[in-house]
């Protein structure tokens, strides 16, 4: 089962089915996609069964059932995606229970390196890089997830290396979401230890690396020019910074959401399957399936926030990862599509379960000692 677990982590965290679909051959992409689901089913079948992920299962049941009420596209597509998703959630939760912090960091680390490979070997006139993840913002999510997870590593040298690489790779996406979350996580890291201020010193090396890459491949990106202007104390246009703002995109969907807030507008109507996507998971859920799944989803995110904050002293990386997921989902509508996003979210959830159990065990031991004395 260990071999299957490693293959699944490669397929999921390196986004291999999507790469095959868009970059090589649609048939190969479909084969890898179904193979991934098949391997997850096989993994679940032969692995020891434990408690399923009721949070995600209940959320997904309400989302998929209610959103189907107004789905008028080929129903076979809806059934296929729904079945694949539930196989993934059930099998994927058993998978994440057996993935360590070090193992997850390793696969995310290797996946993030695909960005610099793309920058050097396949320089783009677009000026933003995504590597295995095909979309710069989604690549930014992988990098910020790895950056948050780096705070869980005990070896200081490996931790610093991870922070440097994840930051540099994340900046190659030129994702504003990545930068905002990165700054917020660094502020939080000071609560862990004032020594974490050293990452700001590493920032000089990171910026120098970006300048070097720009000299070699040419980062034809206006956001990099803005960054250089800020560093060199030159004027930067506020209009340029706010260009292509997500809030402008969200505003296009407010009226549609308010037209049907109870049952939504149907599966795929705000997630890009039918027309333009809203680039916001929260708006997508309420817009497609209404208030009930939206409330469950908010409760789920609230659960992650509450417990990761409660466990901050024991596992500070959990609140960092939770913040990364919650803020990223404000800018992306693919929570039910991109499996690596759900995989990382479920991993955070299970780590909370582990830490809660450890906390309870410690309290019970303390109570036992009090009784004995």
Protein backbone atom coordinates (compact mmCIF):
# COMPACT_ATOMS: atom_id res chain seq x y z
CA UNK A 1 0.00 0.00 0.00
CA UNK A 2 2.97 2.30 0.52
CA UNK A 3 3.75 2.22 -3.22
CA UNK A 4 0.13 3.08 -4.07
CA UNK A 5 0.24 5.95 -1.54
CA UNK A 6 3.38 7.40 -3.13
CA UNK A 7 1.93 7.09 -6.65
CA UNK A 8 -1.27 8.80 -5.51
CA UNK A 9 0.66 11.67 -3.90
CA UNK A 10 2.57 12.17 -7.14
CA UNK A 11 -0.61 12.11 -9.24
CA UNK A 12 -2.50 14.45 -6.93
CA UNK A 13 0.08 16.89 -5.59
CA UNK A 14 1.88 17.23 -8.94
CA UNK A 15 -1.39 17.60 -10.85
CA UNK A 16 -0.27 14.98 -13.39
CA UNK A 17 -3.73 14.16 -14.87
CA UNK A 18 -4.33 17.83 -15.75
CA UNK A 19 -0.85 18.18 -17.24
CA UNK A 20 -1.46 15.16 -19.45
CA UNK A 21 -4.89 16.50 -20.43
CA UNK A 22 -3.87 20.03 -21.41
CA UNK A 23 -0.22 19.66 -22.39
CA UNK A 24 -0.12 16.27 -24.08
CA UNK A 25 -3.17 14.24 -25.01
CA UNK A 26 -6.80 14.39 -23.75
CA UNK A 27 -7.00 10.60 -23.82
CA UNK A 28 -3.90 10.31 -21.62
CA UNK A 29 -5.31 12.93 -19.27
CA UNK A 30 -8.58 11.02 -18.91
CA UNK A 31 -6.69 7.78 -18.36
CA UNK A 32 -4.60 9.30 -15.56
CA UNK A 33 -7.67 10.93 -14.03
CA UNK A 34 -9.65 7.69 -13.90
CA UNK A 35 -6.53 5.80 -12.80
CA UNK A 36 -6.18 8.19 -9.87
CA UNK A 37 -9.77 7.61 -8.79
CA UNK A 38 -9.37 3.86 -9.35
CA UNK A 39 -6.21 3.75 -7.23
CA UNK A 40 -7.95 5.70 -4.47
CA UNK A 41 -10.80 3.20 -4.53
CA UNK A 42 -8.31 0.35 -4.42
CA UNK A 43 -6.39 2.03 -1.59
CA UNK A 44 -9.60 2.42 0.43
CA UNK A 45 -10.65 -1.16 -0.29
CA UNK A 46 -7.46 -2.74 1.06
CA UNK A 47 -6.46 -0.21 3.74
CA UNK A 48 -7.76 -0.38 7.30
CA UNK A 49 -11.06 1.52 7.51
CA UNK A 50 -11.37 4.38 9.97
CA UNK A 51 -13.86 7.18 10.63
CA UNK A 52 -14.89 8.88 7.34
CA UNK A 53 -14.76 12.61 6.80
CA UNK A 54 -18.34 13.48 7.69
CA UNK A 55 -17.73 17.22 7.35
CA UNK A 56 -16.85 17.00 3.66
CA UNK A 57 -19.32 14.19 2.92
CA UNK A 58 -22.30 16.11 4.33
CA UNK A 59 -21.19 19.36 2.68
CA UNK A 60 -20.77 17.61 -0.67
CA UNK A 61 -24.09 15.76 -0.45
CA UNK A 62 -25.98 19.02 0.04
CA UNK A 63 -23.92 20.83 -2.60
CA UNK A 64 -24.25 18.22 -5.34
CA UNK A 65 -27.90 17.31 -4.66
CA UNK A 66 -29.26 20.85 -4.38
CA UNK A 67 -27.18 22.18 -7.30
CA UNK A 68 -28.56 19.36 -9.50
CA UNK A 69 -32.10 20.80 -9.26
CA UNK A 70 -31.28 23.42 -11.90
CA UNK A 71 -28.67 21.55 -13.92
CA UNK A 72 -29.70 21.38 -17.59
CA UNK A 73 -26.50 20.13 -19.21
CA UNK A 74 -25.91 16.41 -20.02
CA UNK A 75 -26.75 14.65 -16.75
CA UNK A 76 -24.14 11.96 -17.39
CA UNK A 77 -21.41 14.59 -16.93
CA UNK A 78 -22.86 15.56 -13.56
CA UNK A 79 -23.12 11.95 -12.40
CA UNK A 80 -19.57 11.17 -13.50
CA UNK A 81 -18.06 14.16 -11.68
CA UNK A 82 -20.13 13.51 -8.56
CA UNK A 83 -19.15 9.84 -8.33
CA UNK A 84 -15.47 10.65 -8.90
CA UNK A 85 -15.59 13.33 -6.22
CA UNK A 86 -17.10 11.08 -3.55
CA UNK A 87 -14.64 8.27 -4.31
CA UNK A 88 -11.88 10.84 -3.92
CA UNK A 89 -13.21 12.22 -0.62
CA UNK A 90 -13.71 8.78 0.94
CA UNK A 91 -10.45 7.28 -0.31
CA UNK A 92 -8.48 10.52 -0.04
CA UNK A 93 -9.27 10.94 3.65
CA UNK A 94 -7.83 7.51 4.38
CA UNK A 95 -4.79 8.54 2.33
CA UNK A 96 -4.09 11.77 4.23
CA UNK A 97 -4.27 9.92 7.55
CA UNK A 98 -1.09 8.12 6.55
CA UNK A 99 0.84 11.10 5.15
CA UNK A 100 3.37 12.66 7.52
CA UNK A 101 4.37 16.33 7.64
CA UNK A 102 7.74 15.49 6.13
CA UNK A 103 6.21 13.44 3.33
CA UNK A 104 3.70 16.11 2.39
CA UNK A 105 6.42 18.80 2.50
CA UNK A 106 8.66 16.72 0.25
CA UNK A 107 6.07 16.25 -2.50
CA UNK A 108 4.94 19.88 -2.39
CA UNK A 109 8.59 20.98 -2.47
CA UNK A 110 9.30 18.96 -5.62
CA UNK A 111 6.07 20.17 -7.21
CA UNK A 112 6.95 23.80 -6.54
CA UNK A 113 10.33 23.39 -8.27
CA UNK A 114 8.46 22.88 -11.54
CA UNK A 115 7.95 26.66 -11.62
CA UNK A 116 11.63 27.51 -11.91
CA UNK A 117 12.07 24.70 -14.45
CA UNK A 118 9.33 26.28 -16.54
CA UNK A 119 10.86 29.74 -16.13
CA UNK A 120 14.27 28.61 -17.44
CA UNK A 121 13.26 26.04 -20.05
CA UNK A 122 9.94 27.46 -21.25
CA UNK A 123 10.08 31.24 -20.69
CA UNK A 124 6.74 32.91 -21.25
CA UNK A 125 5.84 36.26 -22.74
CA UNK A 126 3.01 36.30 -20.22
CA UNK A 127 5.56 36.64 -17.43
CA UNK A 128 3.83 34.43 -14.86
CA UNK A 129 4.68 30.81 -14.17
CA UNK A 130 2.62 27.90 -12.90
CA UNK A 131 4.71 24.74 -13.46
CA UNK A 132 2.73 21.55 -12.91
CA UNK A 133 -0.34 23.50 -11.85
CA UNK A 134 -1.15 25.22 -15.18
CA UNK A 135 -2.55 28.28 -13.39
CA UNK A 136 -0.31 30.80 -11.57
CA UNK A 137 -2.79 31.38 -8.76
CA UNK A 138 -3.18 27.67 -8.10
CA UNK A 139 0.61 27.28 -8.17
CA UNK A 140 0.73 30.12 -5.64
CA UNK A 141 -1.58 28.11 -3.38
CA UNK A 142 0.78 25.13 -3.51
CA UNK A 143 3.74 27.35 -2.64
CA UNK A 144 2.02 29.12 0.26
CA UNK A 145 0.80 25.75 1.59
CA UNK A 146 4.38 24.47 1.50
CA UNK A 147 5.62 27.66 3.13
CA UNK A 148 3.15 27.30 6.02
CA UNK A 149 4.02 23.62 6.39
CA UNK A 150 7.74 24.46 6.57
CA UNK A 151 7.13 25.84 10.08
CA UNK A 152 6.36 22.28 11.21
CA UNK A 153 9.84 21.01 10.30
CA UNK A 154 12.30 20.57 13.16
CA UNK A 155 15.56 20.82 11.22
CA UNK A 156 16.40 24.54 11.03
CA UNK A 157 18.46 24.27 7.84
CA UNK A 158 15.76 22.33 5.99
CA UNK A 159 13.12 24.74 7.28
CA UNK A 160 15.03 27.78 5.98
CA UNK A 161 15.66 26.07 2.64
CA UNK A 162 11.95 25.30 2.33
CA UNK A 163 10.97 28.86 3.24
CA UNK A 164 13.40 30.26 0.68
CA UNK A 165 12.33 27.94 -2.14
CA UNK A 166 8.59 28.23 -1.49
CA UNK A 167 8.85 32.02 -1.33
CA UNK A 168 10.89 32.28 -4.52
CA UNK A 169 8.65 29.84 -6.41
CA UNK A 170 5.57 31.63 -5.10
CA UNK A 171 6.87 34.99 -6.30
CA UNK A 172 7.39 33.49 -9.77
CA UNK A 173 3.60 33.10 -9.97
CA UNK A 174 3.25 36.86 -9.38
CA UNK A 175 0.08 36.08 -7.47
CA UNK A 176 -1.09 38.95 -5.28
CA UNK A 177 -2.95 36.44 -3.12
CA UNK A 178 0.32 34.62 -2.45
CA UNK A 179 2.07 37.85 -1.42
CA UNK A 180 -0.74 38.93 0.94
CA UNK A 181 -0.91 35.52 2.65
CA UNK A 182 2.91 35.29 2.80
CA UNK A 183 3.12 38.64 4.62
CA UNK A 184 0.36 37.63 7.03
CA UNK A 185 2.04 34.30 7.83
CA UNK A 186 5.33 36.04 8.51
CA UNK A 187 3.64 38.36 11.01
CA UNK A 188 2.09 35.33 12.74
CA UNK A 189 5.48 33.57 12.76
CA UNK A 190 6.82 36.31 15.04
CA UNK A 191 4.36 35.09 17.66
CA UNK A 192 6.07 31.68 17.47
CA UNK A 193 9.56 33.14 17.82
CA UNK A 194 11.10 36.54 17.23
CA UNK A 195 13.90 34.67 15.47
CA UNK A 196 11.54 34.18 12.53
CA UNK A 197 12.23 37.77 11.57
CA UNK A 198 15.28 36.35 9.77
CA UNK A 199 13.05 35.39 6.84
CA UNK A 200 12.77 39.11 6.08
CA UNK A 201 16.56 39.12 5.74
CA UNK A 202 16.31 36.18 3.38
CA UNK A 203 13.98 38.38 1.35
CA UNK A 204 17.01 40.26 0.00
CA UNK A 205 18.41 37.00 -1.35
CA UNK A 206 15.01 36.09 -2.78
CA UNK A 207 14.69 39.41 -4.58
CA UNK A 208 18.24 39.06 -5.92
CA UNK A 209 17.29 35.62 -7.24
CA UNK A 210 14.30 37.11 -9.04
CA UNK A 211 16.51 39.78 -10.60
CA UNK A 212 18.91 37.04 -11.77
CA UNK A 213 16.06 35.04 -13.31
CA UNK A 214 14.80 38.22 -14.96
CA UNK A 215 18.23 38.82 -16.50
CA UNK A 216 18.42 35.23 -17.79
CA UNK A 217 14.89 34.54 -19.08
CA UNK A 218 13.21 37.96 -18.93
CA UNK A 219 10.27 38.15 -16.55
CA UNK A 220 8.00 40.14 -18.81
CA UNK A 221 5.57 40.88 -16.06
CA UNK A 222 4.22 44.30 -15.01
CA UNK A 223 3.88 43.11 -11.41
CA UNK A 224 7.62 42.41 -11.25
CA UNK A 225 8.29 45.89 -12.58
CA UNK A 226 6.00 47.24 -9.84
CA UNK A 227 7.95 45.23 -7.26
CA UNK A 228 11.26 46.60 -8.50
CA UNK A 229 9.85 50.13 -8.46
CA UNK A 230 8.71 49.67 -4.85
CA UNK A 231 12.13 48.36 -3.79
CA UNK A 232 13.94 51.19 -5.61
CA UNK A 233 11.51 53.77 -4.20
CA UNK A 234 10.02 54.68 -7.58
CA UNK A 235 6.41 55.67 -8.09
CA UNK A 236 3.87 52.91 -8.65
CA UNK A 237 0.43 53.49 -10.13
CA UNK A 238 -2.44 52.48 -7.85
CA UNK A 239 -4.53 51.68 -10.94
CA UNK A 240 -1.87 49.22 -12.12
CA UNK A 241 -1.81 47.46 -8.76
CA UNK A 242 -5.61 47.16 -8.71
CA UNK A 243 -5.81 46.02 -12.33
CA UNK A 244 -7.82 42.82 -12.79
CA UNK A 245 -9.09 43.02 -9.22
CA UNK A 246 -10.98 39.98 -7.88
CA UNK A 247 -13.54 42.26 -6.23
CA UNK A 248 -14.54 43.49 -9.70
CA UNK A 249 -15.09 39.89 -10.80
CA UNK A 250 -17.11 39.01 -7.69
CA UNK A 251 -19.41 41.99 -8.19
CA UNK A 252 -20.60 40.54 -11.50
CA UNK A 253 -22.30 37.66 -9.65
CA UNK A 254 -23.98 39.39 -6.72
CA UNK A 255 -27.29 39.94 -8.51
CA UNK A 256 -27.37 36.35 -9.73
CA UNK A 257 -26.76 35.03 -6.22
CA UNK A 258 -29.50 37.25 -4.76
CA UNK A 259 -31.97 35.99 -7.36
CA UNK A 260 -31.86 32.49 -5.86
CA UNK A 261 -30.20 32.48 -2.44
CA UNK A 262 -32.04 29.41 -1.10
CA UNK A 263 -31.44 26.79 -3.81
CA UNK A 264 -28.86 28.54 -5.96
CA UNK A 265 -28.65 28.67 -9.75
CA UNK A 266 -27.48 25.13 -10.46
CA UNK A 267 -24.33 23.08 -10.76
CA UNK A 268 -21.56 24.69 -12.82
CA UNK A 269 -23.19 28.11 -13.20
CA UNK A 270 -20.58 29.98 -11.14
CA UNK A 271 -17.63 27.58 -11.32
CA UNK A 272 -16.75 28.15 -14.97
CA UNK A 273 -18.39 25.03 -16.35
CA UNK A 274 -21.26 27.11 -17.71
CA UNK A 275 -20.08 30.64 -18.46
CA UNK A 276 -17.56 32.66 -16.44
CA UNK A 277 -16.34 31.51 -13.05
CA UNK A 278 -16.72 33.67 -9.96
CA UNK A 279 -13.14 33.12 -8.66
CA UNK A 280 -14.50 32.72 -5.14
CA UNK A 281 -15.43 29.37 -3.56
CA UNK A 282 -17.74 30.97 -0.98
CA UNK A 283 -19.74 32.79 -3.66
CA UNK A 284 -19.65 29.73 -5.90
CA UNK A 285 -21.21 27.48 -3.26
CA UNK A 286 -24.03 29.83 -2.32
CA UNK A 287 -24.53 30.82 -5.97
CA UNK A 288 -24.82 27.24 -7.24
CA UNK A 289 -26.46 25.40 -4.33
CA UNK A 290 -27.82 28.03 -1.97
CA UNK A 291 -27.68 28.86 1.70
CA UNK A 292 -27.58 25.36 3.27
CA UNK A 293 -24.28 24.12 1.75
CA UNK A 294 -22.87 27.64 2.17
CA UNK A 295 -23.65 27.57 5.91
CA UNK A 296 -22.11 24.09 6.28
CA UNK A 297 -19.00 25.25 4.43
CA UNK A 298 -18.63 28.31 6.67
CA UNK A 299 -19.06 26.08 9.72
CA UNK A 300 -16.36 23.76 8.37
CA UNK A 301 -13.91 26.62 7.82
CA UNK A 302 -14.85 27.96 11.24
CA UNK A 303 -14.10 24.54 12.76
CA UNK A 304 -10.63 24.55 11.17
CA UNK A 305 -9.98 28.08 12.41
CA UNK A 306 -11.20 27.44 15.96
CA UNK A 307 -9.17 24.32 16.57
CA UNK A 308 -6.03 25.40 14.73
CA UNK A 309 -6.06 28.60 16.81
CA UNK A 310 -6.71 26.61 20.00
CA UNK A 311 -3.78 24.33 19.18
CA UNK A 312 -1.46 27.17 18.18
CA UNK A 313 1.15 26.53 20.87
CA UNK A 314 1.39 22.82 20.01
CA UNK A 315 1.14 23.05 16.21
CA UNK A 316 1.35 26.68 14.97
CA UNK A 317 1.64 25.57 11.36
CA UNK A 318 -2.03 24.48 11.41
CA UNK A 319 -3.41 28.02 11.78
CA UNK A 320 -1.01 29.14 9.05
CA UNK A 321 -2.23 26.45 6.68
CA UNK A 322 -5.86 27.17 7.57
CA UNK A 323 -5.39 30.87 6.82
CA UNK A 324 -3.73 29.97 3.53
CA UNK A 325 -6.66 27.75 2.49
CA UNK A 326 -9.40 30.12 3.68
CA UNK A 327 -7.93 33.21 1.99
CA UNK A 328 -6.99 31.36 -1.19
CA UNK A 329 -10.58 30.13 -1.58
CA UNK A 330 -11.63 33.79 -1.71
CA UNK A 331 -9.90 33.92 -5.10
CA UNK A 332 -10.61 30.46 -6.56
CA UNK A 333 -13.77 28.52 -7.39
CA UNK A 334 -12.25 25.04 -7.88
CA UNK A 335 -12.68 23.53 -4.42
CA UNK A 336 -14.76 20.65 -5.81
CA UNK A 337 -12.57 20.21 -8.90
CA UNK A 338 -8.87 20.55 -8.06
CA UNK A 339 -8.24 17.56 -5.84
CA UNK A 340 -4.94 18.79 -4.42
CA UNK A 341 -6.77 21.69 -2.78
CA UNK A 342 -9.19 19.34 -1.02
CA UNK A 343 -6.39 16.91 -0.21
CA UNK A 344 -4.39 19.58 1.64
CA UNK A 345 -7.54 20.83 3.39
CA UNK A 346 -8.42 17.32 4.59
CA UNK A 347 -4.83 16.81 5.72
CA UNK A 348 -5.10 19.93 7.91
CA UNK A 349 -8.40 18.63 9.28
CA UNK A 350 -6.90 15.27 10.24
CA UNK A 351 -3.85 16.88 11.82
CA UNK A 352 -6.29 18.78 14.04
CA UNK A 353 -7.89 15.46 14.99
CA UNK A 354 -4.45 14.08 15.95
CA UNK A 355 -3.52 17.14 17.99
CA UNK A 356 -6.89 17.18 19.75
CA UNK A 357 -6.39 13.54 20.76
CA UNK A 358 -2.87 14.28 22.05
CA UNK A 359 -4.22 17.25 24.01
CA UNK A 360 -6.98 15.10 25.53
CA UNK A 361 -4.53 12.33 26.43
CA UNK A 362 -2.26 14.81 28.20
CA UNK A 363 -5.20 16.25 30.15
CA UNK A 364 -6.32 12.74 31.16
CA UNK A 365 -2.80 11.90 32.34
CA UNK A 366 -2.70 15.08 34.42
CA UNK A 367 -6.09 14.26 35.96
CA UNK A 368 -4.89 10.74 36.77
CA UNK A 369 -1.77 12.09 38.50
CA UNK A 370 -3.90 14.50 40.56
CA UNK A 371 -6.15 11.65 41.69
CA UNK A 372 -3.16 9.46 42.59
CA UNK A 373 -1.58 12.22 44.66
